[in-house]
Amino acid sequence: QILFCHSRISELETIAEKERQEQE
């Protein structure tokens, strides 16, 4: 579960970065 959470965080950060770039 720890590994899953780390993976999920990375995924969400990637999505957030993509959304930030799209917004910019």
PDB file of all heavy atoms in Angstrom:
ATOM      1  N   GLN A   1       0.830  -1.216   0.000  1.00  0.00           N
ATOM      2  CA  GLN A   1       0.000   0.000   0.000  1.00  0.00           C
ATOM      3  C   GLN A   1       0.862   1.262   0.000  1.00  0.00           C
ATOM      4  O   GLN A   1       0.508   2.267  -0.630  1.00  0.00           O
ATOM      5  CB  GLN A   1      -0.940   0.009   1.216  1.00  0.00           C
ATOM      6  CG  GLN A   1      -2.052  -1.026   1.172  1.00  0.00           C
ATOM      7  CD  GLN A   1      -3.061  -0.738   0.072  1.00  0.00           C
ATOM      8  OE1 GLN A   1      -3.178   0.368  -0.428  1.00  0.00           O
ATOM      9  NE2 GLN A   1      -3.809  -1.781  -0.317  1.00  0.00           N
ATOM     10  N   ILE A   2       1.984   1.207   0.692  1.00  0.00           N
ATOM     11  CA  ILE A   2       2.909   2.350   0.696  1.00  0.00           C
ATOM     12  C   ILE A   2       3.399   2.616  -0.723  1.00  0.00           C
ATOM     13  O   ILE A   2       3.430   3.759  -1.186  1.00  0.00           O
ATOM     14  CB  ILE A   2       4.095   2.084   1.644  1.00  0.00           C
ATOM     15  CG1 ILE A   2       3.618   2.107   3.111  1.00  0.00           C
ATOM     16  CG2 ILE A   2       5.194   3.136   1.442  1.00  0.00           C
ATOM     17  CD1 ILE A   2       4.665   1.678   4.109  1.00  0.00           C
ATOM     18  N   LEU A   3       3.792   1.544  -1.424  1.00  0.00           N
ATOM     19  CA  LEU A   3       4.252   1.687  -2.811  1.00  0.00           C
ATOM     20  C   LEU A   3       3.136   2.232  -3.701  1.00  0.00           C
ATOM     21  O   LEU A   3       3.378   3.079  -4.579  1.00  0.00           O
ATOM     22  CB  LEU A   3       4.738   0.337  -3.344  1.00  0.00           C
ATOM     23  CG  LEU A   3       5.994  -0.243  -2.674  1.00  0.00           C
ATOM     24  CD1 LEU A   3       6.290  -1.627  -3.227  1.00  0.00           C
ATOM     25  CD2 LEU A   3       7.188   0.682  -2.887  1.00  0.00           C
ATOM     26  N   PHE A   4       1.908   1.724  -3.466  1.00  0.00           N
ATOM     27  CA  PHE A   4       0.757   2.189  -4.255  1.00  0.00           C
ATOM     28  C   PHE A   4       0.529   3.683  -4.041  1.00  0.00           C
ATOM     29  O   PHE A   4       0.284   4.435  -4.994  1.00  0.00           O
ATOM     30  CB  PHE A   4      -0.502   1.407  -3.864  1.00  0.00           C
ATOM     31  CG  PHE A   4      -1.767   2.021  -4.402  1.00  0.00           C
ATOM     32  CD1 PHE A   4      -2.140   1.835  -5.721  1.00  0.00           C
ATOM     33  CD2 PHE A   4      -2.584   2.797  -3.581  1.00  0.00           C
ATOM     34  CE1 PHE A   4      -3.305   2.424  -6.213  1.00  0.00           C
ATOM     35  CE2 PHE A   4      -3.745   3.372  -4.070  1.00  0.00           C
ATOM     36  CZ  PHE A   4      -4.104   3.181  -5.391  1.00  0.00           C
ATOM     37  N   CYS A   5       0.606   4.124  -2.777  1.00  0.00           N
ATOM     38  CA  CYS A   5       0.381   5.544  -2.462  1.00  0.00           C
ATOM     39  C   CYS A   5       1.445   6.431  -3.110  1.00  0.00           C
ATOM     40  O   CYS A   5       1.144   7.506  -3.639  1.00  0.00           O
ATOM     41  CB  CYS A   5       0.359   5.761  -0.952  1.00  0.00           C
ATOM     42  SG  CYS A   5      -1.113   5.091  -0.144  1.00  0.00           S
ATOM     43  N   HIS A   6       2.700   5.979  -3.065  1.00  0.00           N
ATOM     44  CA  HIS A   6       3.776   6.739  -3.715  1.00  0.00           C
ATOM     45  C   HIS A   6       3.524   6.842  -5.222  1.00  0.00           C
ATOM     46  O   HIS A   6       3.719   7.902  -5.823  1.00  0.00           O
ATOM     47  CB  HIS A   6       5.127   6.073  -3.455  1.00  0.00           C
ATOM     48  CG  HIS A   6       5.719   6.407  -2.111  1.00  0.00           C
ATOM     49  ND1 HIS A   6       6.035   7.696  -1.731  1.00  0.00           N
ATOM     50  CD2 HIS A   6       6.045   5.606  -1.055  1.00  0.00           C
ATOM     51  CE1 HIS A   6       6.540   7.698  -0.510  1.00  0.00           C
ATOM     52  NE2 HIS A   6       6.553   6.433  -0.069  1.00  0.00           N
ATOM     53  N   SER A   7       3.099   5.728  -5.810  1.00  0.00           N
ATOM     54  CA  SER A   7       2.807   5.713  -7.244  1.00  0.00           C
ATOM     55  C   SER A   7       1.649   6.647  -7.574  1.00  0.00           C
ATOM     56  O   SER A   7       1.679   7.372  -8.573  1.00  0.00           O
ATOM     57  CB  SER A   7       2.471   4.284  -7.686  1.00  0.00           C
ATOM     58  OG  SER A   7       2.087   4.257  -9.047  1.00  0.00           O
ATOM     59  N   ARG A   8       0.623   6.604  -6.701  1.00  0.00           N
ATOM     60  CA  ARG A   8      -0.548   7.449  -6.915  1.00  0.00           C
ATOM     61  C   ARG A   8      -0.182   8.926  -6.795  1.00  0.00           C
ATOM     62  O   ARG A   8      -0.664   9.764  -7.564  1.00  0.00           O
ATOM     63  CB  ARG A   8      -1.637   7.079  -5.896  1.00  0.00           C
ATOM     64  CG  ARG A   8      -2.937   7.850  -6.050  1.00  0.00           C
ATOM     65  CD  ARG A   8      -3.556   7.625  -7.391  1.00  0.00           C
ATOM     66  NE  ARG A   8      -4.813   8.348  -7.519  1.00  0.00           N
ATOM     67  CZ  ARG A   8      -5.329   8.754  -8.664  1.00  0.00           C
ATOM     68  NH1 ARG A   8      -4.694   8.505  -9.804  1.00  0.00           N
ATOM     69  NH2 ARG A   8      -6.473   9.388  -8.700  1.00  0.00           N
ATOM     70  N   ILE A   9       0.692   9.242  -5.827  1.00  0.00           N
ATOM     71  CA  ILE A   9       1.144  10.630  -5.654  1.00  0.00           C
ATOM     72  C   ILE A   9       1.875  11.109  -6.907  1.00  0.00           C
ATOM     73  O   ILE A   9       1.648  12.218  -7.399  1.00  0.00           O
ATOM     74  CB  ILE A   9       2.049  10.758  -4.415  1.00  0.00           C
ATOM     75  CG1 ILE A   9       1.204  10.639  -3.132  1.00  0.00           C
ATOM     76  CG2 ILE A   9       2.788  12.101  -4.413  1.00  0.00           C
ATOM     77  CD1 ILE A   9       2.010  10.583  -1.861  1.00  0.00           C
ATOM     78  N   SER A  10       2.759  10.258  -7.435  1.00  0.00           N
ATOM     79  CA  SER A  10       3.494  10.605  -8.659  1.00  0.00           C
ATOM     80  C   SER A  10       2.530  10.845  -9.817  1.00  0.00           C
ATOM     81  O   SER A  10       2.702  11.787 -10.617  1.00  0.00           O
ATOM     82  CB  SER A  10       4.477   9.489  -9.023  1.00  0.00           C
ATOM     83  OG  SER A  10       5.459   9.342  -8.024  1.00  0.00           O
ATOM     84  N   GLU A  11       1.507  10.004  -9.899  1.00  0.00           N
ATOM     85  CA  GLU A  11       0.511  10.142 -10.963  1.00  0.00           C
ATOM     86  C   GLU A  11      -0.249  11.457 -10.840  1.00  0.00           C
ATOM     87  O   GLU A  11      -0.440  12.178 -11.829  1.00  0.00           O
ATOM     88  CB  GLU A  11      -0.462   8.968 -10.906  1.00  0.00           C
ATOM     89  CG  GLU A  11      -1.515   8.973 -12.003  1.00  0.00           C
ATOM     90  CD  GLU A  11      -2.494   7.810 -11.877  1.00  0.00           C
ATOM     91  OE1 GLU A  11      -2.187   6.869 -11.119  1.00  0.00           O
ATOM     92  OE2 GLU A  11      -3.542   7.858 -12.527  1.00  0.00           O
ATOM     93  N   LEU A  12      -0.660  11.772  -9.596  1.00  0.00           N
ATOM     94  CA  LEU A  12      -1.404  13.007  -9.365  1.00  0.00           C
ATOM     95  C   LEU A  12      -0.530  14.236  -9.622  1.00  0.00           C
ATOM     96  O   LEU A  12      -1.008  15.258 -10.139  1.00  0.00           O
ATOM     97  CB  LEU A  12      -1.944  13.036  -7.929  1.00  0.00           C
ATOM     98  CG  LEU A  12      -3.076  12.055  -7.628  1.00  0.00           C
ATOM     99  CD1 LEU A  12      -3.413  12.075  -6.142  1.00  0.00           C
ATOM    100  CD2 LEU A  12      -4.320  12.383  -8.453  1.00  0.00           C
ATOM    101  N   GLU A  13       0.750  14.148  -9.241  1.00  0.00           N
ATOM    102  CA  GLU A  13       1.667  15.266  -9.490  1.00  0.00           C
ATOM    103  C   GLU A  13       1.865  15.473 -10.989  1.00  0.00           C
ATOM    104  O   GLU A  13       1.947  16.617 -11.455  1.00  0.00           O
ATOM    105  CB  GLU A  13       3.014  14.992  -8.816  1.00  0.00           C
ATOM    106  CG  GLU A  13       2.966  15.158  -7.297  1.00  0.00           C
ATOM    107  CD  GLU A  13       4.284  14.808  -6.630  1.00  0.00           C
ATOM    108  OE1 GLU A  13       5.121  14.129  -7.270  1.00  0.00           O
ATOM    109  OE2 GLU A  13       4.475  15.201  -5.464  1.00  0.00           O
ATOM    110  N   THR A  14       1.922  14.373 -11.733  1.00  0.00           N
ATOM    111  CA  THR A  14       2.054  14.475 -13.195  1.00  0.00           C
ATOM    112  C   THR A  14       0.817  15.130 -13.794  1.00  0.00           C
ATOM    113  O   THR A  14       0.920  16.003 -14.670  1.00  0.00           O
ATOM    114  CB  THR A  14       2.243  13.077 -13.816  1.00  0.00           C
ATOM    115  OG1 THR A  14       3.427  12.476 -13.287  1.00  0.00           O
ATOM    116  CG2 THR A  14       2.351  13.169 -15.333  1.00  0.00           C
ATOM    117  N   ILE A  15      -0.356  14.704 -13.307  1.00  0.00           N
ATOM    118  CA  ILE A  15      -1.616  15.296 -13.789  1.00  0.00           C
ATOM    119  C   ILE A  15      -1.673  16.778 -13.446  1.00  0.00           C
ATOM    120  O   ILE A  15      -2.055  17.613 -14.275  1.00  0.00           O
ATOM    121  CB  ILE A  15      -2.824  14.553 -13.182  1.00  0.00           C
ATOM    122  CG1 ILE A  15      -2.894  13.116 -13.712  1.00  0.00           C
ATOM    123  CG2 ILE A  15      -4.122  15.306 -13.483  1.00  0.00           C
ATOM    124  CD1 ILE A  15      -3.935  12.254 -13.029  1.00  0.00           C
ATOM    125  N   ALA A  16      -1.263  17.108 -12.192  1.00  0.00           N
ATOM    126  CA  ALA A  16      -1.291  18.503 -11.747  1.00  0.00           C
ATOM    127  C   ALA A  16      -0.342  19.355 -12.578  1.00  0.00           C
ATOM    128  O   ALA A  16      -0.667  20.488 -12.955  1.00  0.00           O
ATOM    129  CB  ALA A  16      -0.917  18.591 -10.267  1.00  0.00           C
ATOM    130  N   GLU A  17       0.840  18.796 -12.878  1.00  0.00           N
ATOM    131  CA  GLU A  17       1.815  19.534 -13.689  1.00  0.00           C
ATOM    132  C   GLU A  17       1.284  19.751 -15.102  1.00  0.00           C
ATOM    133  O   GLU A  17       1.442  20.837 -15.679  1.00  0.00           O
ATOM    134  CB  GLU A  17       3.137  18.754 -13.736  1.00  0.00           C
ATOM    135  CG  GLU A  17       4.209  19.380 -14.612  1.00  0.00           C
ATOM    136  CD  GLU A  17       4.651  20.751 -14.141  1.00  0.00           C
ATOM    137  OE1 GLU A  17       4.395  21.095 -12.963  1.00  0.00           O
ATOM    138  OE2 GLU A  17       5.240  21.488 -14.955  1.00  0.00           O
ATOM    139  N   LYS A  18       0.639  18.721 -15.646  1.00  0.00           N
ATOM    140  CA  LYS A  18       0.064  18.848 -16.984  1.00  0.00           C
ATOM    141  C   LYS A  18      -1.035  19.902 -16.999  1.00  0.00           C
ATOM    142  O   LYS A  18      -1.110  20.731 -17.925  1.00  0.00           O
ATOM    143  CB  LYS A  18      -0.510  17.498 -17.424  1.00  0.00           C
ATOM    144  CG  LYS A  18      -1.056  17.513 -18.849  1.00  0.00           C
ATOM    145  CD  LYS A  18      -1.591  16.144 -19.246  1.00  0.00           C
ATOM    146  CE  LYS A  18      -2.170  16.166 -20.664  1.00  0.00           C
ATOM    147  NZ  LYS A  18      -2.709  14.840 -21.056  1.00  0.00           N
ATOM    148  N   GLU A  19      -1.885  19.885 -15.968  1.00  0.00           N
ATOM    149  CA  GLU A  19      -2.959  20.874 -15.882  1.00  0.00           C
ATOM    150  C   GLU A  19      -2.381  22.282 -15.728  1.00  0.00           C
ATOM    151  O   GLU A  19      -2.909  23.243 -16.293  1.00  0.00           O
ATOM    152  CB  GLU A  19      -3.876  20.547 -14.705  1.00  0.00           C
ATOM    153  CG  GLU A  19      -4.732  19.300 -14.931  1.00  0.00           C
ATOM    154  CD  GLU A  19      -5.577  18.952 -13.711  1.00  0.00           C
ATOM    155  OE1 GLU A  19      -5.328  19.542 -12.631  1.00  0.00           O
ATOM    156  OE2 GLU A  19      -6.465  18.092 -13.838  1.00  0.00           O
ATOM    157  N   ARG A  20      -1.295  22.387 -14.940  1.00  0.00           N
ATOM    158  CA  ARG A  20      -0.648  23.685 -14.757  1.00  0.00           C
ATOM    159  C   ARG A  20      -0.100  24.205 -16.080  1.00  0.00           C
ATOM    160  O   ARG A  20      -0.276  25.384 -16.426  1.00  0.00           O
ATOM    161  CB  ARG A  20       0.487  23.572 -13.738  1.00  0.00           C
ATOM    162  CG  ARG A  20       1.169  24.897 -13.391  1.00  0.00           C
ATOM    163  CD  ARG A  20       2.408  24.680 -12.561  1.00  0.00           C
ATOM    164  NE  ARG A  20       3.434  23.986 -13.311  1.00  0.00           N
ATOM    165  CZ  ARG A  20       4.229  24.578 -14.196  1.00  0.00           C
ATOM    166  NH1 ARG A  20       4.108  25.868 -14.457  1.00  0.00           N
ATOM    167  NH2 ARG A  20       5.139  23.874 -14.843  1.00  0.00           N
ATOM    168  N   GLN A  21       0.549  23.321 -16.834  1.00  0.00           N
ATOM    169  CA  GLN A  21       1.100  23.715 -18.128  1.00  0.00           C
ATOM    170  C   GLN A  21      -0.005  24.102 -19.102  1.00  0.00           C
ATOM    171  O   GLN A  21       0.127  25.071 -19.864  1.00  0.00           O
ATOM    172  CB  GLN A  21       1.944  22.572 -18.709  1.00  0.00           C
ATOM    173  CG  GLN A  21       3.234  22.311 -17.939  1.00  0.00           C
ATOM    174  CD  GLN A  21       4.005  21.136 -18.497  1.00  0.00           C
ATOM    175  OE1 GLN A  21       3.550  20.427 -19.395  1.00  0.00           O
ATOM    176  NE2 GLN A  21       5.207  20.904 -17.958  1.00  0.00           N
ATOM    177  N   GLU A  22      -1.105  23.326 -19.078  1.00  0.00           N
ATOM    178  CA  GLU A  22      -2.235  23.642 -19.958  1.00  0.00           C
ATOM    179  C   GLU A  22      -2.835  24.987 -19.593  1.00  0.00           C
ATOM    180  O   GLU A  22      -3.210  25.771 -20.473  1.00  0.00           O
ATOM    181  CB  GLU A  22      -3.299  22.542 -19.857  1.00  0.00           C
ATOM    182  CG  GLU A  22      -2.893  21.234 -20.517  1.00  0.00           C
ATOM    183  CD  GLU A  22      -3.927  20.141 -20.325  1.00  0.00           C
ATOM    184  OE1 GLU A  22      -4.867  20.352 -19.517  1.00  0.00           O
ATOM    185  OE2 GLU A  22      -3.799  19.078 -20.967  1.00  0.00           O
ATOM    186  N   GLN A  23      -2.937  25.255 -18.282  1.00  0.00           N
ATOM    187  CA  GLN A  23      -3.475  26.532 -17.824  1.00  0.00           C
ATOM    188  C   GLN A  23      -2.564  27.681 -18.238  1.00  0.00           C
ATOM    189  O   GLN A  23      -3.043  28.739 -18.692  1.00  0.00           O
ATOM    190  CB  GLN A  23      -3.641  26.519 -16.294  1.00  0.00           C
ATOM    191  CG  GLN A  23      -4.246  27.789 -15.714  1.00  0.00           C
ATOM    192  CD  GLN A  23      -5.644  28.061 -16.218  1.00  0.00           C
ATOM    193  OE1 GLN A  23      -6.382  27.140 -16.553  1.00  0.00           O
ATOM    194  NE2 GLN A  23      -6.023  29.323 -16.281  1.00  0.00           N
ATOM    195  N   GLU A  24      -1.259  27.471 -18.083  1.00  0.00           N
ATOM    196  CA  GLU A  24      -0.299  28.492 -18.498  1.00  0.00           C
ATOM    197  C   GLU A  24      -0.400  28.748 -19.997  1.00  0.00           C
ATOM    198  O   GLU A  24      -0.304  29.889 -20.452  1.00  0.00           O
ATOM    199  CB  GLU A  24       1.128  28.066 -18.138  1.00  0.00           C
ATOM    200  CG  GLU A  24       1.440  28.172 -16.652  1.00  0.00           C
ATOM    201  CD  GLU A  24       2.883  27.807 -16.345  1.00  0.00           C
ATOM    202  OE1 GLU A  24       3.578  27.324 -17.274  1.00  0.00           O
ATOM    203  OE2 GLU A  24       3.309  27.992 -15.196  1.00  0.00           O
TER     204      GLU A  24
END
